Amino acid sequence: MSFDPALFRYVGVENATQMTTLNMSLDYYTSYLSSQAGSVPPAQ
Protein backbone atom coordinates (compact mmCIF):
# COMPACT_ATOMS: atom_id res chain seq x y z
CA MET A 1 0.00 0.00 0.00
CA SER A 2 1.40 3.40 -0.91
CA PHE A 3 1.32 6.43 1.38
CA ASP A 4 -2.05 8.20 1.34
CA PRO A 5 -2.41 11.15 3.75
CA ALA A 6 -6.20 10.74 3.69
CA LEU A 7 -5.73 7.52 5.70
CA PHE A 8 -4.34 9.40 8.71
CA ARG A 9 -6.55 11.14 11.27
CA TYR A 10 -5.45 13.35 14.15
CA VAL A 11 -7.03 12.01 17.33
CA GLY A 12 -4.98 13.87 19.93
CA VAL A 13 -2.40 12.62 22.38
CA GLU A 14 -4.87 11.33 24.99
CA ASN A 15 -6.94 9.33 22.48
CA ALA A 16 -3.82 8.02 20.72
CA THR A 17 -2.43 6.87 24.07
CA GLN A 18 -5.69 5.09 24.94
CA MET A 19 -5.90 3.49 21.48
CA THR A 20 -2.34 2.19 21.88
CA THR A 21 -2.96 0.96 25.42
CA LEU A 22 -6.15 -0.83 24.34
CA ASN A 23 -4.55 -1.99 21.07
CA MET A 24 -7.52 -0.67 19.06
CA SER A 25 -7.87 0.84 15.62
CA LEU A 26 -9.77 4.12 15.24
CA ASP A 27 -12.92 2.26 14.15
CA TYR A 28 -12.89 -0.04 17.17
CA TYR A 29 -11.97 2.80 19.51
CA THR A 30 -14.87 5.00 18.38
CA SER A 31 -17.23 2.04 18.85
CA TYR A 32 -15.73 1.46 22.29
CA LEU A 33 -16.26 5.12 23.23
CA SER A 34 -19.86 4.98 22.02
CA SER A 35 -20.52 1.92 24.19
CA GLN A 36 -18.93 3.70 27.18
CA ALA A 37 -21.02 6.86 26.83
CA GLY A 38 -22.66 7.76 30.10
CA SER A 39 -20.49 5.43 32.16
CA VAL A 40 -17.92 6.58 34.69
CA PRO A 41 -14.38 6.66 33.24
CA PRO A 42 -11.79 4.45 34.96
CA ALA A 43 -9.74 6.04 37.76
CA GLN A 44 -6.14 6.82 36.90
C-alpha atoms as a PDB file:
ATOM      1  CA  MET A   1       0.000   0.000   0.000  1.00  0.00           C
ATOM      2  CA  SER A   2       1.400   3.404  -0.913  1.00  0.00           C
ATOM      3  CA  PHE A   3       1.317   6.430   1.377  1.00  0.00           C
ATOM      4  CA  ASP A   4      -2.047   8.197   1.336  1.00  0.00           C
ATOM      5  CA  PRO A   5      -2.413  11.150   3.754  1.00  0.00           C
ATOM      6  CA  ALA A   6      -6.199  10.739   3.688  1.00  0.00           C
ATOM      7  CA  LEU A   7      -5.730   7.517   5.700  1.00  0.00           C
ATOM      8  CA  PHE A   8      -4.340   9.398   8.706  1.00  0.00           C
ATOM      9  CA  ARG A   9      -6.550  11.139  11.268  1.00  0.00           C
ATOM     10  CA  TYR A  10      -5.448  13.350  14.146  1.00  0.00           C
ATOM     11  CA  VAL A  11      -7.035  12.010  17.328  1.00  0.00           C
ATOM     12  CA  GLY A  12      -4.983  13.872  19.928  1.00  0.00           C
ATOM     13  CA  VAL A  13      -2.399  12.617  22.382  1.00  0.00           C
ATOM     14  CA  GLU A  14      -4.874  11.335  24.991  1.00  0.00           C
ATOM     15  CA  ASN A  15      -6.935   9.335  22.484  1.00  0.00           C
ATOM     16  CA  ALA A  16      -3.819   8.025  20.719  1.00  0.00           C
ATOM     17  CA  THR A  17      -2.426   6.865  24.069  1.00  0.00           C
ATOM     18  CA  GLN A  18      -5.691   5.092  24.936  1.00  0.00           C
ATOM     19  CA  MET A  19      -5.897   3.494  21.484  1.00  0.00           C
ATOM     20  CA  THR A  20      -2.340   2.194  21.877  1.00  0.00           C
ATOM     21  CA  THR A  21      -2.963   0.958  25.416  1.00  0.00           C
ATOM     22  CA  LEU A  22      -6.154  -0.830  24.342  1.00  0.00           C
ATOM     23  CA  ASN A  23      -4.549  -1.992  21.072  1.00  0.00           C
ATOM     24  CA  MET A  24      -7.524  -0.674  19.062  1.00  0.00           C
ATOM     25  CA  SER A  25      -7.866   0.844  15.624  1.00  0.00           C
ATOM     26  CA  LEU A  26      -9.768   4.116  15.244  1.00  0.00           C
ATOM     27  CA  ASP A  27     -12.918   2.261  14.150  1.00  0.00           C
ATOM     28  CA  TYR A  28     -12.892  -0.042  17.174  1.00  0.00           C
ATOM     29  CA  TYR A  29     -11.971   2.796  19.515  1.00  0.00           C
ATOM     30  CA  THR A  30     -14.874   4.996  18.384  1.00  0.00           C
ATOM     31  CA  SER A  31     -17.235   2.040  18.854  1.00  0.00           C
ATOM     32  CA  TYR A  32     -15.730   1.458  22.288  1.00  0.00           C
ATOM     33  CA  LEU A  33     -16.261   5.120  23.229  1.00  0.00           C
ATOM     34  CA  SER A  34     -19.856   4.976  22.022  1.00  0.00           C
ATOM     35  CA  SER A  35     -20.518   1.922  24.189  1.00  0.00           C
ATOM     36  CA  GLN A  36     -18.928   3.697  27.184  1.00  0.00           C
ATOM     37  CA  ALA A  37     -21.021   6.864  26.831  1.00  0.00           C
ATOM     38  CA  GLY A  38     -22.664   7.756  30.095  1.00  0.00           C
ATOM     39  CA  SER A  39     -20.491   5.433  32.159  1.00  0.00           C
ATOM     40  CA  VAL A  40     -17.923   6.579  34.692  1.00  0.00           C
ATOM     41  CA  PRO A  41     -14.383   6.658  33.236  1.00  0.00           C
ATOM     42  CA  PRO A  42     -11.787   4.452  34.963  1.00  0.00           C
ATOM     43  CA  ALA A  43      -9.744   6.039  37.756  1.00  0.00           C
ATOM     44  CA  GLN A  44      -6.143   6.824  36.896  1.00  0.00           C
END
